[in-house]
Protein backbone atom coordinates (compact mmCIF):
# COMPACT_ATOMS: atom_id res chain seq x y z
CA MET A 1 -67.82 155.78 249.23
CA ASN A 2 -64.53 155.86 247.40
CA SER A 3 -61.32 154.21 248.31
CA ASP A 4 -60.04 157.28 250.11
CA VAL A 5 -62.41 156.73 252.99
CA ASP A 6 -60.65 156.67 256.35
CA ILE A 7 -62.06 153.76 258.20
CA SER A 8 -60.17 154.61 261.44
CA ALA A 9 -61.92 158.01 261.41
CA VAL A 10 -65.25 156.45 260.67
CA ALA A 11 -64.68 153.95 263.62
CA THR A 12 -63.66 156.70 265.94
CA ARG A 13 -66.98 158.69 265.17
CA VAL A 14 -69.07 155.57 265.68
CA LEU A 15 -67.39 154.48 268.97
CA TRP A 16 -67.77 158.04 270.55
CA ALA A 17 -71.39 158.37 269.39
CA VAL A 18 -72.20 154.91 270.80
CA PHE A 19 -70.44 155.66 274.00
CA ALA A 20 -72.39 158.80 274.50
CA LEU A 21 -75.76 157.23 273.71
CA ALA A 22 -74.87 154.04 276.01
CA ALA A 23 -74.10 156.58 278.79
CA VAL A 24 -77.49 158.16 278.39
CA PHE A 25 -79.03 154.67 278.42
CA GLY A 26 -77.26 154.00 281.72
CA ALA A 27 -78.30 157.35 283.31
CA ILE A 28 -81.88 156.72 282.28
CA GLY A 29 -81.78 153.11 283.68
CA GLN A 30 -80.53 154.47 287.00
CA ARG A 31 -82.89 157.30 287.14
CA THR A 32 -86.07 155.47 286.30
CA ARG A 33 -85.28 151.94 287.68
CA PHE A 34 -85.70 150.53 284.19
CA CYS A 35 -85.49 146.81 284.82
CA THR A 36 -87.14 144.11 282.78
CA MET A 37 -86.55 141.48 285.59
CA GLY A 38 -88.27 143.96 287.93
CA ALA A 39 -91.02 144.40 285.49
CA VAL A 40 -91.95 140.78 285.40
CA SER A 41 -91.32 140.46 289.09
CA ASP A 42 -93.81 143.33 289.89
CA ILE A 43 -96.61 141.62 288.01
CA VAL A 44 -95.94 138.14 289.58
CA GLY A 45 -95.47 139.44 293.19
CA LEU A 46 -97.53 142.49 293.25
CA GLY A 47 -99.74 142.71 290.21
CA ASP A 48 -98.17 146.03 289.32
CA TRP A 49 -97.76 146.62 285.57
CA THR A 50 -95.97 149.96 285.74
CA ARG A 51 -92.56 148.90 284.87
CA MET A 52 -93.87 146.41 282.16
CA ARG A 53 -95.47 149.36 280.44
CA MET A 54 -92.13 151.14 280.57
CA TRP A 55 -90.52 148.20 278.83
CA VAL A 56 -93.24 147.88 276.28
CA LEU A 57 -92.95 151.65 275.62
CA ALA A 58 -89.27 151.15 274.88
CA MET A 59 -90.18 148.42 272.42
CA ALA A 60 -92.73 150.54 270.68
CA VAL A 61 -90.33 153.52 270.25
CA ALA A 62 -87.50 151.45 269.02
CA MET A 63 -89.81 149.55 266.57
CA LEU A 64 -91.33 152.89 265.26
CA GLY A 65 -87.89 154.27 264.87
CA PHE A 66 -86.28 151.35 263.24
CA ASN A 67 -89.05 150.82 260.62
CA ALA A 68 -89.25 154.53 259.88
CA MET A 69 -85.54 154.26 258.89
CA VAL A 70 -86.30 151.17 256.79
CA ALA A 71 -89.17 153.01 255.09
CA LEU A 72 -86.91 155.98 254.26
CA GLY A 73 -84.32 153.46 252.72
CA TRP A 74 -81.68 154.34 255.32
CA ILE A 75 -81.30 150.84 256.76
CA GLU A 76 -82.42 147.15 256.20
CA ALA A 77 -83.48 144.47 258.55
CA ALA A 78 -81.44 141.96 256.25
CA ASP A 79 -78.20 143.83 257.55
CA THR A 80 -78.74 142.57 261.17
CA ILE A 81 -78.07 139.25 262.73
CA TYR A 82 -81.69 138.97 263.69
CA ALA A 83 -83.40 138.90 260.24
CA THR A 84 -81.35 136.18 258.53
CA PRO A 85 -83.33 133.59 256.46
CA THR A 86 -82.45 130.87 259.18
CA LEU A 87 -84.80 130.76 262.09
CA ARG A 88 -83.33 128.79 264.94
CA TRP A 89 -86.51 128.72 266.98
CA LEU A 90 -85.45 126.15 269.50
CA SER A 91 -82.21 128.08 270.27
CA ALA A 92 -84.35 131.25 270.83
CA LEU A 93 -86.80 129.43 273.00
CA ALA A 94 -84.41 127.50 275.01
CA GLY A 95 -81.88 130.23 275.36
CA GLY A 96 -84.62 132.69 276.34
CA LEU A 97 -85.84 130.30 279.05
CA LEU A 98 -82.31 129.98 280.48
CA PHE A 99 -81.71 133.75 280.44
CA GLY A 100 -85.11 134.49 282.00
CA MET A 101 -84.42 132.11 284.91
CA GLY A 102 -80.85 133.37 285.20
CA MET A 103 -81.73 137.04 285.41
CA VAL A 104 -84.19 136.36 288.32
CA LEU A 105 -81.39 134.49 290.29
CA ALA A 106 -78.89 137.17 289.40
CA SER A 107 -81.21 140.10 290.43
CA GLY A 108 -81.50 141.65 286.96
CA CYS A 109 -80.62 141.32 283.24
CA GLY A 110 -77.35 142.25 281.61
CA SER A 111 -78.21 145.96 281.27
CA ARG A 112 -79.42 146.17 284.86
CA THR A 113 -76.14 144.54 285.96
CA LEU A 114 -74.09 147.29 284.18
CA VAL A 115 -76.40 150.04 285.77
CA ARG A 116 -75.87 148.49 289.27
CA ILE A 117 -72.11 148.32 288.82
CA GLY A 118 -72.16 152.24 288.19
CA THR A 119 -73.87 152.46 291.48
CA GLY A 120 -71.31 150.62 293.52
CA ASN A 121 -72.91 147.08 293.52
CA LEU A 122 -70.09 144.49 293.90
CA LYS A 123 -72.47 141.60 293.34
CA SER A 124 -73.30 142.86 289.89
CA LEU A 125 -69.55 143.09 289.14
CA VAL A 126 -69.31 139.44 289.98
CA VAL A 127 -72.31 138.66 287.77
CA PHE A 128 -70.62 140.55 284.98
CA LEU A 129 -67.42 138.63 285.16
CA VAL A 130 -68.99 135.25 285.33
CA MET A 131 -71.64 136.06 282.66
CA GLY A 132 -68.81 137.30 280.50
CA VAL A 133 -67.03 134.01 280.76
CA ALA A 134 -70.11 131.95 280.29
CA ALA A 135 -70.94 134.06 277.23
CA PHE A 136 -67.45 133.56 275.78
CA ALA A 137 -67.71 129.83 276.32
CA THR A 138 -70.89 129.66 274.46
CA LEU A 139 -69.63 131.63 271.59
CA ARG A 140 -66.39 129.64 271.07
CA GLY A 141 -65.85 127.27 273.99
CA ILE A 142 -67.27 124.06 275.58
CA THR A 143 -70.93 125.21 275.66
CA ALA A 144 -70.55 126.53 272.16
CA VAL A 145 -69.97 122.95 270.97
CA ALA A 146 -72.87 121.82 272.89
CA ARG A 147 -75.07 124.54 271.49
CA VAL A 148 -74.13 123.84 267.92
CA ALA A 149 -74.61 120.07 268.35
CA THR A 150 -78.04 120.35 269.78
CA VAL A 151 -80.48 123.20 269.67
CA ASP A 152 -78.82 125.03 266.69
CA ARG A 153 -79.51 122.01 264.61
CA VAL A 154 -83.27 122.71 264.73
CA ALA A 155 -84.03 125.35 262.29
CA ILE A 156 -86.54 126.54 259.61
CA GLU A 157 -85.02 128.02 256.37
CA PHE A 158 -86.88 130.85 254.70
CA ALA A 159 -86.36 132.04 251.03
CA SER A 160 -86.11 135.61 252.38
CA GLY A 161 -85.27 137.16 255.69
CA GLN A 162 -87.24 136.07 258.84
CA ASP A 163 -88.48 139.48 259.65
CA LEU A 164 -92.23 140.05 258.96
CA PRO A 165 -91.85 142.58 256.22
CA SER A 166 -89.56 140.33 254.23
CA LEU A 167 -91.89 137.36 254.69
CA LEU A 168 -94.95 139.25 253.65
CA ALA A 169 -93.15 140.93 250.71
CA ALA A 170 -92.28 137.53 249.36
CA ALA A 171 -95.90 136.30 249.65
CA SER A 172 -97.65 139.56 248.47
CA GLY A 173 -95.30 141.28 246.17
CA ILE A 174 -95.50 144.62 248.15
CA ALA A 175 -92.25 146.33 248.68
CA ARG A 176 -90.48 145.70 252.07
CA PRO A 177 -90.05 149.35 252.99
CA ALA A 178 -93.85 149.82 252.58
CA LEU A 179 -94.54 146.78 254.65
CA ALA A 180 -91.98 147.74 257.28
CA PHE A 181 -93.63 151.12 257.62
CA ALA A 182 -97.21 149.68 257.91
CA LEU A 183 -96.33 146.80 260.18
CA GLY A 184 -93.82 148.53 262.41
CA GLY A 185 -96.22 151.54 262.56
CA ALA A 186 -99.23 149.31 263.34
CA ILE A 187 -97.68 147.20 266.06
CA GLY A 188 -95.62 150.04 267.58
CA LEU A 189 -98.75 152.28 267.73
CA ALA A 190 -100.73 149.41 269.28
CA MET A 191 -98.06 149.00 271.94
CA LEU A 192 -97.94 152.74 272.59
CA ALA A 193 -101.78 152.77 272.93
CA TRP A 194 -101.63 149.98 275.49
CA VAL A 195 -98.98 151.76 277.50
CA LEU A 196 -100.96 155.03 277.57
CA SER A 197 -104.34 153.43 278.18
CA ARG A 198 -103.73 153.51 281.91
CA GLU A 199 -102.71 156.25 284.32
CA GLU A 200 -99.63 154.28 285.34
CA GLY A 201 -98.38 154.29 281.76
CA ARG A 202 -98.44 158.02 281.63
CA ARG A 203 -96.25 158.90 284.65
CA GLY A 204 -93.23 160.95 283.95
CA GLU A 205 -90.83 158.21 285.11
CA VAL A 206 -92.46 155.61 282.76
CA LEU A 207 -92.32 157.98 279.81
CA LEU A 208 -88.76 158.85 280.51
CA GLY A 209 -87.58 155.26 280.82
CA GLY A 210 -89.58 153.95 277.95
CA ILE A 211 -89.18 156.67 275.30
CA GLY A 212 -85.61 157.41 276.46
CA SER A 213 -84.43 153.72 276.29
CA GLY A 214 -86.14 153.03 272.94
CA ALA A 215 -84.86 156.20 271.36
CA VAL A 216 -81.31 155.31 272.38
CA VAL A 217 -81.70 151.78 270.79
CA ALA A 218 -83.14 153.45 267.65
CA ALA A 219 -80.27 155.97 267.53
CA VAL A 220 -77.70 153.29 267.80
CA TRP A 221 -79.21 151.53 264.80
CA TRP A 222 -78.79 154.82 262.83
CA VAL A 223 -75.05 155.24 264.12
CA SER A 224 -74.28 151.76 262.99
CA GLY A 225 -76.43 151.52 259.91
CA ARG A 226 -75.72 155.06 258.58
CA LEU A 227 -72.76 156.75 260.24
CA GLY A 228 -70.72 153.53 260.34
CA TYR A 229 -71.68 152.07 256.97
CA VAL A 230 -69.04 152.01 254.27
CA ALA A 231 -70.17 151.07 250.71
CA GLU A 232 -66.70 149.93 249.80
CA ASP A 233 -63.95 149.17 252.46
CA PRO A 234 -60.61 149.96 250.84
CA ASN A 235 -59.14 146.99 252.55
CA THR A 236 -61.69 144.27 251.39
CA LEU A 237 -63.54 146.16 248.59
CA GLN A 238 -66.89 145.19 250.20
CA GLU A 239 -69.46 146.97 252.13
CA ALA A 240 -68.99 147.13 255.78
CA PHE A 241 -70.46 148.20 259.08
CA VAL A 242 -67.61 149.60 260.91
CA ALA A 243 -66.53 148.72 264.49
CA THR A 244 -69.06 145.83 264.95
CA ASN A 245 -68.24 142.35 266.16
CA SER A 246 -70.68 140.70 263.84
CA GLN A 247 -69.62 142.80 260.76
CA ARG A 248 -73.36 143.62 260.51
CA MET A 249 -75.47 146.52 261.55
CA GLU A 250 -75.80 146.45 265.35
CA SER A 251 -77.50 148.26 268.27
CA LEU A 252 -77.57 147.63 271.97
CA THR A 253 -77.39 144.13 273.43
CA PHE A 254 -75.80 142.96 276.63
CA VAL A 255 -74.56 139.38 276.51
CA ALA A 256 -71.92 138.78 273.88
CA PRO A 257 -70.53 142.32 274.54
CA PHE A 258 -69.66 141.15 278.08
CA ALA A 259 -67.49 138.49 276.49
CA TYR A 260 -65.93 140.82 274.01
CA ALA A 261 -65.17 143.32 276.71
CA LEU A 262 -63.32 140.79 278.87
CA ASP A 263 -61.48 139.52 275.79
CA TRP A 264 -60.40 143.04 274.94
CA LEU A 265 -59.26 143.78 278.51
CA MET A 266 -57.29 140.52 278.96
CA PHE A 267 -55.62 140.85 275.50
CA PHE A 268 -55.17 144.52 275.44
CA SER A 269 -51.68 144.41 274.16
CA ASP A 270 -52.82 142.38 271.17
CA LYS A 271 -53.21 145.06 268.49
CA SER A 272 -55.77 142.84 266.65
CA LYS A 273 -58.16 143.37 269.64
CA LEU A 274 -60.00 146.61 268.70
CA LEU A 275 -62.74 148.52 270.50
CA THR A 276 -66.16 147.66 269.04
CA LEU A 277 -69.71 149.04 269.28
CA GLY A 278 -70.55 146.32 271.84
CA ILE A 279 -67.58 146.92 274.04
CA VAL A 280 -67.96 150.85 274.28
CA SER A 281 -71.77 150.31 275.02
CA VAL A 282 -70.87 148.28 278.04
CA ILE A 283 -68.44 150.95 279.20
CA GLY A 284 -70.89 153.71 278.44
CA VAL A 285 -73.81 152.26 280.42
CA VAL A 286 -71.57 151.87 283.60
CA ALA A 287 -70.22 155.38 283.06
CA GLY A 288 -73.65 156.90 282.71
CA SER A 289 -75.09 155.01 285.67
CA ALA A 290 -72.06 156.11 287.74
CA ALA A 291 -72.26 159.62 286.72
CA HIS A 292 -76.03 159.85 287.81
CA ALA A 293 -75.42 157.88 291.02
CA LEU A 294 -72.60 160.24 292.14
CA ALA A 295 -74.55 163.42 291.09
CA THR A 296 -77.57 162.34 293.08
CA ARG A 297 -75.63 160.65 295.93
CA ASP A 298 -77.11 157.31 295.32
CA PHE A 299 -73.70 155.60 295.01
CA ARG A 300 -73.08 153.17 297.64
CA TRP A 301 -71.07 149.77 297.99
CA GLU A 302 -73.15 146.69 298.26
CA GLY A 303 -71.90 143.02 298.64
CA PHE A 304 -73.54 139.61 299.09
CA ARG A 305 -75.60 138.87 302.15
CA SER A 306 -74.94 135.27 302.39
CA ARG A 307 -73.45 132.25 300.64
CA GLU A 308 -76.93 131.45 299.26
CA ASP A 309 -77.03 134.91 297.85
CA LEU A 310 -73.66 134.46 296.23
CA ALA A 311 -74.55 130.94 295.00
CA ASN A 312 -77.74 132.37 293.34
CA HIS A 313 -75.94 135.12 291.54
CA LEU A 314 -73.17 132.82 290.26
CA VAL A 315 -75.84 130.27 288.81
CA GLY A 316 -77.88 133.15 287.45
CA ALA A 317 -74.90 134.81 285.72
CA THR A 318 -73.95 131.40 284.09
CA LEU A 319 -77.45 130.88 282.84
CA MET A 320 -77.65 134.39 281.46
CA GLY A 321 -74.34 134.06 279.60
CA VAL A 322 -75.19 130.61 278.17
CA GLY A 323 -78.93 131.43 277.48
CA GLY A 324 -78.30 134.96 276.17
CA VAL A 325 -75.70 133.80 273.52
CA THR A 326 -77.88 130.91 272.49
CA ALA A 327 -81.00 133.10 272.08
CA LEU A 328 -78.91 135.74 270.20
CA GLY A 329 -79.68 138.30 272.87
CA CYS A 330 -81.22 139.57 276.16
CA THR A 331 -84.19 141.58 277.34
CA ILE A 332 -82.55 144.45 275.53
CA GLY A 333 -80.94 142.71 272.68
CA GLN A 334 -83.85 140.58 271.72
CA GLY A 335 -86.63 142.26 273.75
CA ILE A 336 -86.10 145.71 272.26
CA THR A 337 -83.20 145.81 269.60
CA GLY A 338 -84.19 142.52 267.87
CA LEU A 339 -87.89 143.06 268.25
CA SER A 340 -87.64 146.42 266.58
CA THR A 341 -86.72 144.54 263.30
CA LEU A 342 -89.91 142.42 263.54
CA ALA A 343 -87.84 139.18 263.28
CA LEU A 344 -89.64 136.06 264.30
CA GLY A 345 -86.70 134.74 266.39
CA SER A 346 -87.00 137.91 268.53
CA PHE A 347 -90.67 137.19 269.34
CA VAL A 348 -89.81 133.53 270.21
CA ALA A 349 -86.84 134.63 272.33
CA LEU A 350 -88.78 137.27 274.12
CA GLY A 351 -91.60 134.70 274.99
CA GLY A 352 -88.86 132.38 276.44
CA ILE A 353 -87.28 135.00 278.48
CA ILE A 354 -90.58 136.13 280.09
CA ALA A 355 -91.59 132.35 280.60
CA GLY A 356 -88.30 131.62 282.21
CA ALA A 357 -88.43 134.52 284.56
CA VAL A 358 -92.03 133.65 285.65
CA LEU A 359 -90.95 130.11 286.29
CA ALA A 360 -88.00 131.29 288.44
CA LEU A 361 -90.05 133.79 290.37
CA ARG A 362 -92.82 131.06 291.03
CA TYR A 363 -90.12 128.83 292.37
CA GLN A 364 -88.80 131.52 294.55
CA LEU A 365 -92.14 132.34 296.00
CA TRP A 366 -92.80 128.63 296.62
CA ARG A 367 -89.53 128.35 298.46
CA ILE A 368 -90.41 131.43 300.59
CA GLU A 369 -93.83 129.96 301.50
CA ARG A 370 -92.28 126.61 302.33
CA GLN A 371 -89.77 128.02 304.59
CA ALA A 372 -92.53 130.14 306.28
CA GLU A 373 -94.47 126.95 306.98
CA ALA A 374 -91.52 124.95 308.21
CA PRO A 375 -91.03 124.95 312.02
CA PRO A 376 -87.76 126.56 313.36
CA ARG A 377 -84.85 124.25 313.71
CA SER A 378 -84.63 124.35 317.38
CA GLN A 379 -88.34 123.38 317.61
CA ALA A 380 -87.94 120.60 315.12
CA ALA A 381 -84.88 119.36 316.94
CA ALA A 382 -86.92 119.31 320.28
CA SER A 383 -89.78 117.42 318.76
CA THR A 384 -87.54 114.58 317.53
CA ALA A 385 -85.52 114.40 320.81
CA PRO A 386 -86.06 111.15 322.66
């Protein structure tokens, strides 16, 4: 591009496009009950893999879309935060564990929290606020200091990016676009085959939730990497990905954008606080979910049932904010968006998230069983009376 490019106009196009796509994501999430915490919970509690197939289908579609664009030369994994040469595997694992446990306590991950806000769930509004504060503290505050001083110190440095095509290209000499096409296609198609191998994976709701969510993630990659790409920013004379917080190519993720959204709201009069892809994606998901809920008459106010319910959501939101920033993403940010780049850190973070969720669910089931076995308080009091 030449020096006459209008950065403001490019940013406006990016933000409107991302808002529209995020609204579609929110509406799909509300329509199909797309929920990664629910997917793990269904397996642990019921042995039902339906929603897990929906999540895996979203991964497959996003992976196929991203790597097809890499093969076409439109985008590169190296331009994302996921495929850097530094693999902070302990941060990804520990952060994923915290996030996974937190999303169980808070009744859903970051994207599900936004979808529920759109349906009138006041519990999710509290989760959003607490999670945003915890995320901001882990980006720049007290828990950021602890993060940098501990888990972030453990890292593996690669000569190339940590995404599989880059690693194999360095070892084999084969071009990265070709490897991205081959690996992304092979892994994505294998996931797709697994989803469709059972009747439950071929249901209309599963197909809509999986294909729709994955396609939105891939589309946002295109918006940020193509529509929002400027070869030479007239202000810096360097290439730029317009309207992103990381200054890199971005797609959907729902942890750090919570913090950025709160920061934008609280310092709105500060002209340096600009709307970004992450902020409008947060707004868009809520708007899309609310529109669908109102149209289908599913909108209803919902609050906390008890003090214990409130406490669980507060702890869960805090764990998700801290863990999500530490792991560089959530069930969407790492589980779909990051995984689509074939970055090693995303696979580690995803494993941590699932493990953390399973641990928290097992703990909850243990507590329920223990409470069921315990005698009522009145009976226990009578048995100990003199």
